[in-house]
Amino acid sequence: MTPKAAEELTKRLREAAEKQAAGEGDKAREELAESGEKVASLREQDKISEAGYQTLAAGLAQLVPVLPSR
């Protein structure tokens, strides 16, 4: 993964955490969905390995269901 892509993904995850902390679970889910789209895009562009993609995608998939709603 390029440093720029890693920075962008980190920023999205930080924003999701901030929204969750502010009680905005729905917005946090949106940020995580966008993060998932970014990870998929990185894989399509061959900027991350298949193993890296699987690891990140699995982690994101585990986060969404545990976020409380509003």
Foldseek 3Di string as FASTA:
>chain_A
DDPVLVVVLVVLQVVLVVCLVVQALVVSLVSLVVSLVSLVVCVVVVVDDPVVSVVSNVVSVVPNVPRDHD
